[in-house]
Amino acid sequence: MSEREVKTSTIVDKAVGTRIRTARRELKFSQEKLAKKAGLSFQQIQKYEKGVNRVSAGRLHELAQLLYKPIIWFYEDIEIDQEITQTEVEDPNYAACLALIREMKGSDKLGLVREFLSMANASN
């Protein structure tokens, strides 16, 4: 993908954003409060929650800690076989991450979570 191509959000981005919003609301945090704790603007939290901006592995790790959720919680029950673009299908890192997410669904295997985060960080 060239630098000028626009990345579109996927169902995974939207689902993770929904989970961020759910966890934030469970703690009765405003977007402003979560943003301040994470060192972000509340607009960035809005973009994450709507799935407009993708959350990097490192940022998701930080948000998971602030929201008292394990990383895997953000990926549970996502229907990842939907809305996969041709670019994503051709990207071997994306395909590997999808395979790991499939394996992690319903699992509490910390090693898989670490492998997923390692792969995601390597691709950034």
C-alpha atoms as a PDB file:
ATOM      1  CA  MET A   1       0.000   0.000   0.000  1.00  0.00           C
ATOM      2  CA  SER A   2       1.456   3.350  -0.954  1.00  0.00           C
ATOM      3  CA  GLU A   3       1.750   6.155   1.570  1.00  0.00           C
ATOM      4  CA  ARG A   4      -0.955   8.146  -0.202  1.00  0.00           C
ATOM      5  CA  GLU A   5      -3.585   5.408  -0.208  1.00  0.00           C
ATOM      6  CA  VAL A   6      -6.360   5.940   2.296  1.00  0.00           C
ATOM      7  CA  LYS A   7      -6.768   3.134   4.787  1.00  0.00           C
ATOM      8  CA  THR A   8     -10.401   2.338   5.414  1.00  0.00           C
ATOM      9  CA  SER A   9     -11.551   1.108   8.764  1.00  0.00           C
ATOM     10  CA  THR A  10     -12.645  -2.490   9.029  1.00  0.00           C
ATOM     11  CA  ILE A  11     -15.202  -4.298  11.098  1.00  0.00           C
ATOM     12  CA  VAL A  12     -12.364  -5.162  13.502  1.00  0.00           C
ATOM     13  CA  ASP A  13     -11.483  -1.467  13.965  1.00  0.00           C
ATOM     14  CA  LYS A  14     -15.134  -0.648  14.646  1.00  0.00           C
ATOM     15  CA  ALA A  15     -15.591  -3.567  17.040  1.00  0.00           C
ATOM     16  CA  VAL A  16     -12.456  -2.661  19.020  1.00  0.00           C
ATOM     17  CA  GLY A  17     -13.682   0.942  19.180  1.00  0.00           C
ATOM     18  CA  THR A  18     -17.055  -0.210  20.471  1.00  0.00           C
ATOM     19  CA  ARG A  19     -15.291  -2.225  23.160  1.00  0.00           C
ATOM     20  CA  ILE A  20     -13.223   0.822  24.183  1.00  0.00           C
ATOM     21  CA  ARG A  21     -16.446   2.823  24.538  1.00  0.00           C
ATOM     22  CA  THR A  22     -18.117   0.013  26.528  1.00  0.00           C
ATOM     23  CA  ALA A  23     -15.188  -0.310  28.946  1.00  0.00           C
ATOM     24  CA  ARG A  24     -14.944   3.468  29.334  1.00  0.00           C
ATOM     25  CA  ARG A  25     -18.643   3.712  30.166  1.00  0.00           C
ATOM     26  CA  GLU A  26     -18.437   0.798  32.631  1.00  0.00           C
ATOM     27  CA  LEU A  27     -15.892   2.851  34.578  1.00  0.00           C
ATOM     28  CA  LYS A  28     -18.048   5.973  34.181  1.00  0.00           C
ATOM     29  CA  PHE A  29     -15.168   7.762  32.456  1.00  0.00           C
ATOM     30  CA  SER A  30     -15.906  10.567  30.052  1.00  0.00           C
ATOM     31  CA  GLN A  31     -13.974  10.646  26.796  1.00  0.00           C
ATOM     32  CA  GLU A  32     -12.103  13.607  28.241  1.00  0.00           C
ATOM     33  CA  LYS A  33     -11.097  11.675  31.374  1.00  0.00           C
ATOM     34  CA  LEU A  34      -9.840   8.659  29.422  1.00  0.00           C
ATOM     35  CA  ALA A  35      -8.031  10.940  26.990  1.00  0.00           C
ATOM     36  CA  LYS A  36      -6.271  12.763  29.825  1.00  0.00           C
ATOM     37  CA  LYS A  37      -5.177   9.485  31.448  1.00  0.00           C
ATOM     38  CA  ALA A  38      -3.867   8.238  28.077  1.00  0.00           C
ATOM     39  CA  GLY A  39      -2.215  11.523  27.120  1.00  0.00           C
ATOM     40  CA  LEU A  40      -4.507  11.955  24.104  1.00  0.00           C
ATOM     41  CA  SER A  41      -7.129  14.401  22.950  1.00  0.00           C
ATOM     42  CA  PHE A  42     -10.762  13.505  23.502  1.00  0.00           C
ATOM     43  CA  GLN A  43     -11.165  13.751  19.716  1.00  0.00           C
ATOM     44  CA  GLN A  44      -8.695  10.896  19.311  1.00  0.00           C
ATOM     45  CA  ILE A  45     -10.704   8.786  21.772  1.00  0.00           C
ATOM     46  CA  GLN A  46     -13.824   9.609  19.715  1.00  0.00           C
ATOM     47  CA  LYS A  47     -12.082   8.465  16.534  1.00  0.00           C
ATOM     48  CA  TYR A  48     -10.959   5.219  18.171  1.00  0.00           C
ATOM     49  CA  GLU A  49     -14.444   4.547  19.520  1.00  0.00           C
ATOM     50  CA  LYS A  50     -16.066   5.126  16.130  1.00  0.00           C
ATOM     51  CA  GLY A  51     -13.471   2.978  14.392  1.00  0.00           C
ATOM     52  CA  VAL A  52     -12.358   5.909  12.234  1.00  0.00           C
ATOM     53  CA  ASN A  53      -8.747   5.586  13.429  1.00  0.00           C
ATOM     54  CA  ARG A  54      -7.083   2.244  14.013  1.00  0.00           C
ATOM     55  CA  VAL A  55      -5.684   1.610  17.462  1.00  0.00           C
ATOM     56  CA  SER A  56      -2.059   0.467  17.385  1.00  0.00           C
ATOM     57  CA  ALA A  57      -1.048  -2.554  19.444  1.00  0.00           C
ATOM     58  CA  GLY A  58       0.919  -0.394  21.869  1.00  0.00           C
ATOM     59  CA  ARG A  59      -1.924   2.087  22.299  1.00  0.00           C
ATOM     60  CA  LEU A  60      -4.456  -0.715  22.812  1.00  0.00           C
ATOM     61  CA  HIS A  61      -2.192  -2.207  25.481  1.00  0.00           C
ATOM     62  CA  GLU A  62      -2.117   1.147  27.270  1.00  0.00           C
ATOM     63  CA  LEU A  63      -5.886   1.636  26.976  1.00  0.00           C
ATOM     64  CA  ALA A  64      -6.516  -1.922  28.178  1.00  0.00           C
ATOM     65  CA  GLN A  65      -4.520  -1.183  31.332  1.00  0.00           C
ATOM     66  CA  LEU A  66      -6.351   2.099  31.916  1.00  0.00           C
ATOM     67  CA  LEU A  67      -9.712   0.371  31.380  1.00  0.00           C
ATOM     68  CA  TYR A  68      -8.794  -2.730  33.459  1.00  0.00           C
ATOM     69  CA  LYS A  69      -9.426  -5.156  30.594  1.00  0.00           C
ATOM     70  CA  PRO A  70      -7.241  -7.910  29.114  1.00  0.00           C
ATOM     71  CA  ILE A  71      -6.278  -7.313  25.475  1.00  0.00           C
ATOM     72  CA  ILE A  72      -8.205 -10.353  24.308  1.00  0.00           C
ATOM     73  CA  TRP A  73     -11.437  -8.798  25.625  1.00  0.00           C
ATOM     74  CA  PHE A  74     -11.301  -6.196  22.852  1.00  0.00           C
ATOM     75  CA  TYR A  75     -11.346  -8.948  20.194  1.00  0.00           C
ATOM     76  CA  GLU A  76     -13.893 -11.360  21.646  1.00  0.00           C
ATOM     77  CA  ASP A  77     -16.907 -12.165  19.493  1.00  0.00           C
ATOM     78  CA  ILE A  78     -15.735 -10.163  16.467  1.00  0.00           C
ATOM     79  CA  GLU A  79     -16.972 -11.554  13.187  1.00  0.00           C
ATOM     80  CA  ILE A  80     -13.613 -11.116  11.479  1.00  0.00           C
ATOM     81  CA  ASP A  81     -14.544 -12.862   8.260  1.00  0.00           C
ATOM     82  CA  GLN A  82     -16.645  -9.884   7.149  1.00  0.00           C
ATOM     83  CA  GLU A  83     -15.543  -6.742   5.284  1.00  0.00           C
ATOM     84  CA  ILE A  84     -12.001  -7.844   4.469  1.00  0.00           C
ATOM     85  CA  THR A  85     -10.625  -5.723   1.652  1.00  0.00           C
ATOM     86  CA  GLN A  86      -8.416  -7.050  -1.131  1.00  0.00           C
ATOM     87  CA  THR A  87      -5.415  -5.177   0.298  1.00  0.00           C
ATOM     88  CA  GLU A  88      -5.915  -6.846   3.663  1.00  0.00           C
ATOM     89  CA  VAL A  89      -6.197 -10.279   2.064  1.00  0.00           C
ATOM     90  CA  GLU A  90      -2.913  -9.726   0.215  1.00  0.00           C
ATOM     91  CA  ASP A  91      -1.057  -8.506   3.328  1.00  0.00           C
ATOM     92  CA  PRO A  92       0.594 -11.537   4.993  1.00  0.00           C
ATOM     93  CA  ASN A  93       0.882  -9.741   8.351  1.00  0.00           C
ATOM     94  CA  TYR A  94      -2.824  -8.966   8.347  1.00  0.00           C
ATOM     95  CA  ALA A  95      -3.671 -12.562   7.433  1.00  0.00           C
ATOM     96  CA  ALA A  96      -1.434 -13.856  10.234  1.00  0.00           C
ATOM     97  CA  CYS A  97      -3.070 -11.500  12.731  1.00  0.00           C
ATOM     98  CA  LEU A  98      -6.516 -12.651  11.644  1.00  0.00           C
ATOM     99  CA  ALA A  99      -5.454 -16.257  12.152  1.00  0.00           C
ATOM    100  CA  LEU A 100      -4.209 -15.443  15.654  1.00  0.00           C
ATOM    101  CA  ILE A 101      -7.419 -13.627  16.547  1.00  0.00           C
ATOM    102  CA  ARG A 102      -9.386 -16.664  15.388  1.00  0.00           C
ATOM    103  CA  GLU A 103      -7.248 -18.879  17.630  1.00  0.00           C
ATOM    104  CA  MET A 104      -7.588 -16.522  20.589  1.00  0.00           C
ATOM    105  CA  LYS A 105     -11.394 -16.326  20.476  1.00  0.00           C
ATOM    106  CA  GLY A 106     -12.576 -17.970  23.652  1.00  0.00           C
ATOM    107  CA  SER A 107      -9.035 -18.658  24.793  1.00  0.00           C
ATOM    108  CA  ASP A 108      -7.072 -17.373  27.735  1.00  0.00           C
ATOM    109  CA  LYS A 109      -3.695 -18.294  26.279  1.00  0.00           C
ATOM    110  CA  LEU A 110      -1.333 -15.482  27.207  1.00  0.00           C
ATOM    111  CA  GLY A 111       1.303 -16.744  24.777  1.00  0.00           C
ATOM    112  CA  LEU A 112      -1.010 -16.182  21.816  1.00  0.00           C
ATOM    113  CA  VAL A 113      -1.777 -12.666  22.989  1.00  0.00           C
ATOM    114  CA  ARG A 114       1.945 -11.924  23.278  1.00  0.00           C
ATOM    115  CA  GLU A 115       2.561 -13.361  19.805  1.00  0.00           C
ATOM    116  CA  PHE A 116      -0.230 -11.221  18.373  1.00  0.00           C
ATOM    117  CA  LEU A 117       1.156  -8.061  19.992  1.00  0.00           C
ATOM    118  CA  SER A 118       4.662  -8.898  18.793  1.00  0.00           C
ATOM    119  CA  MET A 119       3.447  -9.308  15.223  1.00  0.00           C
ATOM    120  CA  ALA A 120       1.386  -6.123  15.362  1.00  0.00           C
ATOM    121  CA  ASN A 121       4.335  -4.116  16.731  1.00  0.00           C
ATOM    122  CA  ALA A 122       6.668  -5.568  14.084  1.00  0.00           C
ATOM    123  CA  SER A 123       4.385  -4.395  11.290  1.00  0.00           C
ATOM    124  CA  ASN A 124       4.259  -0.782  12.572  1.00  0.00           C
END
